[in-house]
């Protein structure tokens, strides 16, 4: 589906170290579809979302997969015994996700330098709106990016796919990320297609960040650096 394709692209832009599991934060994880893609690629993830209903769906999926894995493990053990192998186990470990009910606009409640990377699929734009009295979009964006800067390990990246309603929203988001210290830029895939066009805010600690290549016709805009 479309979300799987977006998640795979976000993980590609993360540039995670090859051949080892990484600890990845999924902001606005929803029903856990993007987390499942992370699992399939061998990574461990933590997801947070403001919707309890979506988290319930994600948790049901995780519990169902765990039950399926246990049944597969028991079947593998029986087969090994029947074949007289008896040396070790046929079981394989499949990483799972941990879930938290949380509003990303209030910050991120994790310890500093916890994550090897962060993804977010179709969630960041919601910080540009005031959904309750006292919610100020710019303040919520700054709080989110400031906390994200802290919880990522140095050298890590964050890739946040979003749908800006206006060019002004994209500029506001970019300016807030830059203000807290991030380098990076917005990568736009398929910029000439109304249907396929996707925006990815790629954040890095590398001050020499030059911009990633967008798919199809290239479109990449670097963040204005503070100072």
C-alpha atoms as a PDB file:
ATOM      1  CA  UNK A   1       0.000   0.000   0.000  1.00  0.00           C
ATOM      2  CA  UNK A   2       0.887   3.680  -0.112  1.00  0.00           C
ATOM      3  CA  UNK A   3       1.894   3.880   3.560  1.00  0.00           C
ATOM      4  CA  UNK A   4       4.283   0.946   3.147  1.00  0.00           C
ATOM      5  CA  UNK A   5       5.911   2.674   0.179  1.00  0.00           C
ATOM      6  CA  UNK A   6       6.227   5.932   2.114  1.00  0.00           C
ATOM      7  CA  UNK A   7       7.708   4.124   5.127  1.00  0.00           C
ATOM      8  CA  UNK A   8      10.226   2.243   2.998  1.00  0.00           C
ATOM      9  CA  UNK A   9      11.282   5.526   1.429  1.00  0.00           C
ATOM     10  CA  UNK A  10      11.592   7.175   4.856  1.00  0.00           C
ATOM     11  CA  UNK A  11      13.785   4.317   6.105  1.00  0.00           C
ATOM     12  CA  UNK A  12      15.918   4.615   2.975  1.00  0.00           C
ATOM     13  CA  UNK A  13      16.454   8.316   3.700  1.00  0.00           C
ATOM     14  CA  UNK A  14      17.383   7.508   7.332  1.00  0.00           C
ATOM     15  CA  UNK A  15      20.637   5.959   6.096  1.00  0.00           C
ATOM     16  CA  UNK A  16      20.749   3.534   9.028  1.00  0.00           C
ATOM     17  CA  UNK A  17      23.939   1.513   9.547  1.00  0.00           C
ATOM     18  CA  UNK A  18      23.716  -1.710   7.527  1.00  0.00           C
ATOM     19  CA  UNK A  19      23.568  -5.235   8.916  1.00  0.00           C
ATOM     20  CA  UNK A  20      22.542  -4.420  12.478  1.00  0.00           C
ATOM     21  CA  UNK A  21      19.255  -3.722  14.256  1.00  0.00           C
ATOM     22  CA  UNK A  22      18.661  -0.082  15.150  1.00  0.00           C
ATOM     23  CA  UNK A  23      16.414   1.545  17.751  1.00  0.00           C
ATOM     24  CA  UNK A  24      13.955   3.762  15.869  1.00  0.00           C
ATOM     25  CA  UNK A  25      11.287   6.163  17.106  1.00  0.00           C
ATOM     26  CA  UNK A  26       8.027   6.270  15.127  1.00  0.00           C
ATOM     27  CA  UNK A  27       6.184   9.532  15.881  1.00  0.00           C
ATOM     28  CA  UNK A  28       2.479   9.408  15.084  1.00  0.00           C
ATOM     29  CA  UNK A  29       2.716   5.641  14.680  1.00  0.00           C
ATOM     30  CA  UNK A  30      -1.045   5.174  14.252  1.00  0.00           C
ATOM     31  CA  UNK A  31      -2.044   1.540  13.815  1.00  0.00           C
ATOM     32  CA  UNK A  32       1.577   0.405  13.600  1.00  0.00           C
ATOM     33  CA  UNK A  33       1.841  -0.139   9.834  1.00  0.00           C
ATOM     34  CA  UNK A  34       5.128   1.738   9.588  1.00  0.00           C
ATOM     35  CA  UNK A  35       6.393  -0.083  12.678  1.00  0.00           C
ATOM     36  CA  UNK A  36       5.737  -3.373  10.966  1.00  0.00           C
ATOM     37  CA  UNK A  37       7.972  -2.319   8.064  1.00  0.00           C
ATOM     38  CA  UNK A  38      10.700  -1.474  10.588  1.00  0.00           C
ATOM     39  CA  UNK A  39      10.283  -4.936  12.135  1.00  0.00           C
ATOM     40  CA  UNK A  40      10.549  -6.621   8.754  1.00  0.00           C
ATOM     41  CA  UNK A  41      13.853  -4.828   8.199  1.00  0.00           C
ATOM     42  CA  UNK A  42      15.153  -6.114  11.539  1.00  0.00           C
ATOM     43  CA  UNK A  43      14.813  -2.980  13.664  1.00  0.00           C
ATOM     44  CA  UNK A  44      13.369  -2.352  17.121  1.00  0.00           C
ATOM     45  CA  UNK A  45      10.911   0.521  17.355  1.00  0.00           C
ATOM     46  CA  UNK A  46       9.011   2.666  19.817  1.00  0.00           C
ATOM     47  CA  UNK A  47       5.809   4.321  18.659  1.00  0.00           C
ATOM     48  CA  UNK A  48       3.814   7.201  20.095  1.00  0.00           C
ATOM     49  CA  UNK A  49       0.469   8.565  18.947  1.00  0.00           C
ATOM     50  CA  UNK A  50      -2.202  10.919  20.254  1.00  0.00           C
ATOM     51  CA  UNK A  51      -5.034   8.525  19.302  1.00  0.00           C
ATOM     52  CA  UNK A  52      -5.808   5.780  21.796  1.00  0.00           C
ATOM     53  CA  UNK A  53      -8.013   4.041  19.238  1.00  0.00           C
ATOM     54  CA  UNK A  54      -5.167   3.773  16.744  1.00  0.00           C
ATOM     55  CA  UNK A  55      -2.823   2.519  19.453  1.00  0.00           C
ATOM     56  CA  UNK A  56      -5.364  -0.158  20.381  1.00  0.00           C
ATOM     57  CA  UNK A  57      -5.293  -1.380  16.770  1.00  0.00           C
ATOM     58  CA  UNK A  58      -1.487  -1.390  16.807  1.00  0.00           C
ATOM     59  CA  UNK A  59      -1.369  -3.280  20.098  1.00  0.00           C
ATOM     60  CA  UNK A  60      -3.821  -5.899  18.832  1.00  0.00           C
ATOM     61  CA  UNK A  61      -1.617  -6.452  15.800  1.00  0.00           C
ATOM     62  CA  UNK A  62       1.501  -6.823  17.947  1.00  0.00           C
ATOM     63  CA  UNK A  63      -0.193  -9.307  20.288  1.00  0.00           C
ATOM     64  CA  UNK A  64      -1.533 -11.273  17.316  1.00  0.00           C
ATOM     65  CA  UNK A  65       1.917 -11.461  15.731  1.00  0.00           C
ATOM     66  CA  UNK A  66       3.459 -12.552  19.027  1.00  0.00           C
ATOM     67  CA  UNK A  67       0.891 -15.342  19.295  1.00  0.00           C
ATOM     68  CA  UNK A  68       1.635 -16.429  15.725  1.00  0.00           C
ATOM     69  CA  UNK A  69       5.368 -16.420  16.452  1.00  0.00           C
ATOM     70  CA  UNK A  70       4.869 -18.608  19.535  1.00  0.00           C
ATOM     71  CA  UNK A  71       2.865 -21.108  17.482  1.00  0.00           C
ATOM     72  CA  UNK A  72       5.554 -21.136  14.802  1.00  0.00           C
ATOM     73  CA  UNK A  73       8.226 -21.671  17.464  1.00  0.00           C
ATOM     74  CA  UNK A  74       6.359 -24.615  18.974  1.00  0.00           C
ATOM     75  CA  UNK A  75       5.886 -26.140  15.529  1.00  0.00           C
ATOM     76  CA  UNK A  76       9.583 -25.692  14.760  1.00  0.00           C
ATOM     77  CA  UNK A  77      10.573 -27.370  18.013  1.00  0.00           C
ATOM     78  CA  UNK A  78       8.290 -30.317  17.303  1.00  0.00           C
ATOM     79  CA  UNK A  79       9.729 -30.715  13.821  1.00  0.00           C
ATOM     80  CA  UNK A  80      13.271 -30.604  15.162  1.00  0.00           C
ATOM     81  CA  UNK A  81      12.514 -33.289  17.730  1.00  0.00           C
ATOM     82  CA  UNK A  82      10.801 -35.474  15.135  1.00  0.00           C
ATOM     83  CA  UNK A  83      13.850 -35.236  12.904  1.00  0.00           C
ATOM     84  CA  UNK A  84      16.161 -36.036  15.802  1.00  0.00           C
ATOM     85  CA  UNK A  85      18.036 -32.783  15.600  1.00  0.00           C
ATOM     86  CA  UNK A  86      17.881 -31.831  19.246  1.00  0.00           C
ATOM     87  CA  UNK A  87      20.744 -29.361  18.866  1.00  0.00           C
ATOM     88  CA  UNK A  88      19.602 -25.852  19.525  1.00  0.00           C
ATOM     89  CA  UNK A  89      16.377 -24.251  18.335  1.00  0.00           C
ATOM     90  CA  UNK A  90      14.791 -23.360  15.035  1.00  0.00           C
ATOM     91  CA  UNK A  91      13.284 -20.206  16.525  1.00  0.00           C
ATOM     92  CA  UNK A  92      14.145 -16.747  15.257  1.00  0.00           C
ATOM     93  CA  UNK A  93      13.687 -13.473  17.093  1.00  0.00           C
ATOM     94  CA  UNK A  94      11.408 -10.928  15.472  1.00  0.00           C
ATOM     95  CA  UNK A  95      11.647  -7.430  16.974  1.00  0.00           C
ATOM     96  CA  UNK A  96       8.437  -5.837  18.185  1.00  0.00           C
ATOM     97  CA  UNK A  97       7.363  -2.318  18.995  1.00  0.00           C
ATOM     98  CA  UNK A  98       6.557  -0.569  22.246  1.00  0.00           C
ATOM     99  CA  UNK A  99       3.671   1.894  22.238  1.00  0.00           C
ATOM    100  CA  UNK A 100       2.938   5.098  24.135  1.00  0.00           C
ATOM    101  CA  UNK A 101      -0.109   7.373  24.177  1.00  0.00           C
ATOM    102  CA  UNK A 102       1.396  10.830  23.752  1.00  0.00           C
ATOM    103  CA  UNK A 103       0.909  14.181  22.003  1.00  0.00           C
ATOM    104  CA  UNK A 104       4.139  14.994  20.157  1.00  0.00           C
ATOM    105  CA  UNK A 105       3.349  18.714  20.431  1.00  0.00           C
ATOM    106  CA  UNK A 106       4.075  18.526  24.168  1.00  0.00           C
ATOM    107  CA  UNK A 107       7.579  17.152  23.554  1.00  0.00           C
ATOM    108  CA  UNK A 108       9.008  13.635  23.622  1.00  0.00           C
ATOM    109  CA  UNK A 109       9.290  11.855  27.003  1.00  0.00           C
ATOM    110  CA  UNK A 110      12.422   9.813  26.287  1.00  0.00           C
ATOM    111  CA  UNK A 111      15.966   9.917  27.604  1.00  0.00           C
ATOM    112  CA  UNK A 112      18.670  11.824  25.713  1.00  0.00           C
ATOM    113  CA  UNK A 113      20.477   9.974  22.905  1.00  0.00           C
ATOM    114  CA  UNK A 114      18.051   7.039  22.990  1.00  0.00           C
ATOM    115  CA  UNK A 115      17.336   6.503  19.293  1.00  0.00           C
ATOM    116  CA  UNK A 116      19.382   5.660  16.195  1.00  0.00           C
ATOM    117  CA  UNK A 117      16.772   7.348  14.028  1.00  0.00           C
ATOM    118  CA  UNK A 118      13.219   8.645  13.847  1.00  0.00           C
ATOM    119  CA  UNK A 119      10.490   8.360  11.263  1.00  0.00           C
ATOM    120  CA  UNK A 120       7.053   9.938  11.106  1.00  0.00           C
ATOM    121  CA  UNK A 121       4.449   9.250   8.445  1.00  0.00           C
ATOM    122  CA  UNK A 122       1.694  11.786   7.722  1.00  0.00           C
ATOM    123  CA  UNK A 123       1.657  13.312  11.208  1.00  0.00           C
ATOM    124  CA  UNK A 124       3.896  16.374  11.363  1.00  0.00           C
ATOM    125  CA  UNK A 125       1.466  18.703   9.579  1.00  0.00           C
ATOM    126  CA  UNK A 126      -1.035  18.421  12.432  1.00  0.00           C
ATOM    127  CA  UNK A 127       1.272  20.507  14.623  1.00  0.00           C
ATOM    128  CA  UNK A 128       0.497  23.438  12.327  1.00  0.00           C
ATOM    129  CA  UNK A 129      -3.070  23.634  13.632  1.00  0.00           C
ATOM    130  CA  UNK A 130      -4.598  24.754  16.928  1.00  0.00           C
ATOM    131  CA  UNK A 131      -6.924  21.981  18.061  1.00  0.00           C
ATOM    132  CA  UNK A 132      -7.487  23.282  21.578  1.00  0.00           C
ATOM    133  CA  UNK A 133      -7.418  26.538  23.491  1.00  0.00           C
ATOM    134  CA  UNK A 134      -3.876  27.632  24.165  1.00  0.00           C
ATOM    135  CA  UNK A 135      -2.268  25.543  21.425  1.00  0.00           C
ATOM    136  CA  UNK A 136       0.179  27.710  19.481  1.00  0.00           C
ATOM    137  CA  UNK A 137       1.535  25.888  16.396  1.00  0.00           C
ATOM    138  CA  UNK A 138       4.984  27.475  16.387  1.00  0.00           C
ATOM    139  CA  UNK A 139       5.472  26.782  20.091  1.00  0.00           C
ATOM    140  CA  UNK A 140       4.386  23.149  19.663  1.00  0.00           C
ATOM    141  CA  UNK A 141       6.699  22.664  16.684  1.00  0.00           C
ATOM    142  CA  UNK A 142       9.665  24.136  18.572  1.00  0.00           C
ATOM    143  CA  UNK A 143       8.966  21.946  21.595  1.00  0.00           C
ATOM    144  CA  UNK A 144       8.748  18.845  19.404  1.00  0.00           C
ATOM    145  CA  UNK A 145      11.927  19.550  17.443  1.00  0.00           C
ATOM    146  CA  UNK A 146      13.851  20.568  20.570  1.00  0.00           C
ATOM    147  CA  UNK A 147      13.005  17.260  22.250  1.00  0.00           C
ATOM    148  CA  UNK A 148      13.687  15.298  19.049  1.00  0.00           C
ATOM    149  CA  UNK A 149      17.139  16.877  18.903  1.00  0.00           C
ATOM    150  CA  UNK A 150      17.805  15.603  22.413  1.00  0.00           C
ATOM    151  CA  UNK A 151      16.512  12.028  22.096  1.00  0.00           C
ATOM    152  CA  UNK A 152      18.446  11.228  18.907  1.00  0.00           C
ATOM    153  CA  UNK A 153      21.992   9.920  19.097  1.00  0.00           C
ATOM    154  CA  UNK A 154      24.537  12.190  17.448  1.00  0.00           C
ATOM    155  CA  UNK A 155      25.005  11.102  13.873  1.00  0.00           C
ATOM    156  CA  UNK A 156      21.383   9.924  13.637  1.00  0.00           C
ATOM    157  CA  UNK A 157      18.771  11.219  11.233  1.00  0.00           C
ATOM    158  CA  UNK A 158      15.059  11.886  11.399  1.00  0.00           C
ATOM    159  CA  UNK A 159      12.831  11.556   8.335  1.00  0.00           C
ATOM    160  CA  UNK A 160       9.374  13.047   8.738  1.00  0.00           C
ATOM    161  CA  UNK A 161       6.962  12.653   5.832  1.00  0.00           C
ATOM    162  CA  UNK A 162       4.191  15.234   5.881  1.00  0.00           C
ATOM    163  CA  UNK A 163       1.532  16.916   3.780  1.00  0.00           C
ATOM    164  CA  UNK A 164       1.843  20.711   3.966  1.00  0.00           C
ATOM    165  CA  UNK A 165      -1.431  22.455   3.187  1.00  0.00           C
ATOM    166  CA  UNK A 166       0.436  25.576   2.097  1.00  0.00           C
ATOM    167  CA  UNK A 167       4.000  26.610   1.289  1.00  0.00           C
ATOM    168  CA  UNK A 168       3.908  28.699   4.465  1.00  0.00           C
ATOM    169  CA  UNK A 169       3.406  25.562   6.553  1.00  0.00           C
ATOM    170  CA  UNK A 170       6.457  23.916   5.012  1.00  0.00           C
ATOM    171  CA  UNK A 171       8.503  27.050   5.689  1.00  0.00           C
ATOM    172  CA  UNK A 172       7.309  27.237   9.308  1.00  0.00           C
ATOM    173  CA  UNK A 173       8.195  23.591   9.895  1.00  0.00           C
ATOM    174  CA  UNK A 174      11.643  24.005   8.329  1.00  0.00           C
ATOM    175  CA  UNK A 175      12.403  27.180  10.277  1.00  0.00           C
ATOM    176  CA  UNK A 176      11.455  25.588  13.599  1.00  0.00           C
ATOM    177  CA  UNK A 177      13.651  22.548  12.938  1.00  0.00           C
ATOM    178  CA  UNK A 178      16.582  24.760  12.010  1.00  0.00           C
ATOM    179  CA  UNK A 179      16.104  26.988  15.043  1.00  0.00           C
ATOM    180  CA  UNK A 180      16.738  24.156  17.515  1.00  0.00           C
ATOM    181  CA  UNK A 181      19.977  23.171  15.740  1.00  0.00           C
ATOM    182  CA  UNK A 182      19.080  20.665  13.039  1.00  0.00           C
ATOM    183  CA  UNK A 183      20.645  20.702   9.595  1.00  0.00           C
ATOM    184  CA  UNK A 184      18.788  19.078   6.738  1.00  0.00           C
ATOM    185  CA  UNK A 185      16.113  19.938   4.239  1.00  0.00           C
ATOM    186  CA  UNK A 186      12.864  18.985   2.562  1.00  0.00           C
ATOM    187  CA  UNK A 187      13.092  16.271  -0.071  1.00  0.00           C
ATOM    188  CA  UNK A 188      10.171  16.219  -2.509  1.00  0.00           C
ATOM    189  CA  UNK A 189       9.508  13.049  -4.470  1.00  0.00           C
ATOM    190  CA  UNK A 190       7.580  13.334  -7.750  1.00  0.00           C
ATOM    191  CA  UNK A 191       7.176  17.121  -7.456  1.00  0.00           C
ATOM    192  CA  UNK A 192       5.266  17.360 -10.750  1.00  0.00           C
ATOM    193  CA  UNK A 193       2.606  14.806  -9.812  1.00  0.00           C
ATOM    194  CA  UNK A 194      -0.405  15.998  -7.841  1.00  0.00           C
ATOM    195  CA  UNK A 195      -1.151  12.445  -6.686  1.00  0.00           C
ATOM    196  CA  UNK A 196       2.313  10.968  -6.089  1.00  0.00           C
ATOM    197  CA  UNK A 197       4.042  14.077  -4.677  1.00  0.00           C
ATOM    198  CA  UNK A 198       5.468  13.468  -1.205  1.00  0.00           C
ATOM    199  CA  UNK A 199       7.376  15.767   1.173  1.00  0.00           C
ATOM    200  CA  UNK A 200      10.056  14.369   3.509  1.00  0.00           C
ATOM    201  CA  UNK A 201      11.725  16.578   6.096  1.00  0.00           C
ATOM    202  CA  UNK A 202      15.182  15.031   6.471  1.00  0.00           C
ATOM    203  CA  UNK A 203      16.939  16.193   9.646  1.00  0.00           C
ATOM    204  CA  UNK A 204      20.603  15.649  10.397  1.00  0.00           C
ATOM    205  CA  UNK A 205      23.310  16.737  12.818  1.00  0.00           C
ATOM    206  CA  UNK A 206      25.718  17.073   9.880  1.00  0.00           C
ATOM    207  CA  UNK A 207      26.243  20.768   9.217  1.00  0.00           C
ATOM    208  CA  UNK A 208      27.612  19.841   5.776  1.00  0.00           C
ATOM    209  CA  UNK A 209      24.301  18.275   4.713  1.00  0.00           C
ATOM    210  CA  UNK A 210      23.854  18.840   0.974  1.00  0.00           C
ATOM    211  CA  UNK A 211      20.369  17.449   0.426  1.00  0.00           C
ATOM    212  CA  UNK A 212      19.134  14.031  -0.647  1.00  0.00           C
ATOM    213  CA  UNK A 213      17.974  13.250  -4.150  1.00  0.00           C
ATOM    214  CA  UNK A 214      14.232  13.354  -4.703  1.00  0.00           C
ATOM    215  CA  UNK A 215      12.667  10.615  -6.801  1.00  0.00           C
ATOM    216  CA  UNK A 216      11.749  11.456 -10.411  1.00  0.00           C
ATOM    217  CA  UNK A 217      12.332  15.143 -11.042  1.00  0.00           C
ATOM    218  CA  UNK A 218      14.695  16.343  -8.323  1.00  0.00           C
ATOM    219  CA  UNK A 219      13.470  18.729  -5.682  1.00  0.00           C
ATOM    220  CA  UNK A 220      15.381  19.279  -2.443  1.00  0.00           C
ATOM    221  CA  UNK A 221      15.477  22.398  -0.278  1.00  0.00           C
ATOM    222  CA  UNK A 222      17.998  22.784   2.521  1.00  0.00           C
ATOM    223  CA  UNK A 223      17.081  24.307   5.864  1.00  0.00           C
ATOM    224  CA  UNK A 224      18.220  27.853   6.450  1.00  0.00           C
ATOM    225  CA  UNK A 225      20.932  27.574   9.088  1.00  0.00           C
ATOM    226  CA  UNK A 226      20.515  29.581  12.256  1.00  0.00           C
ATOM    227  CA  UNK A 227      23.128  32.053  13.295  1.00  0.00           C
END
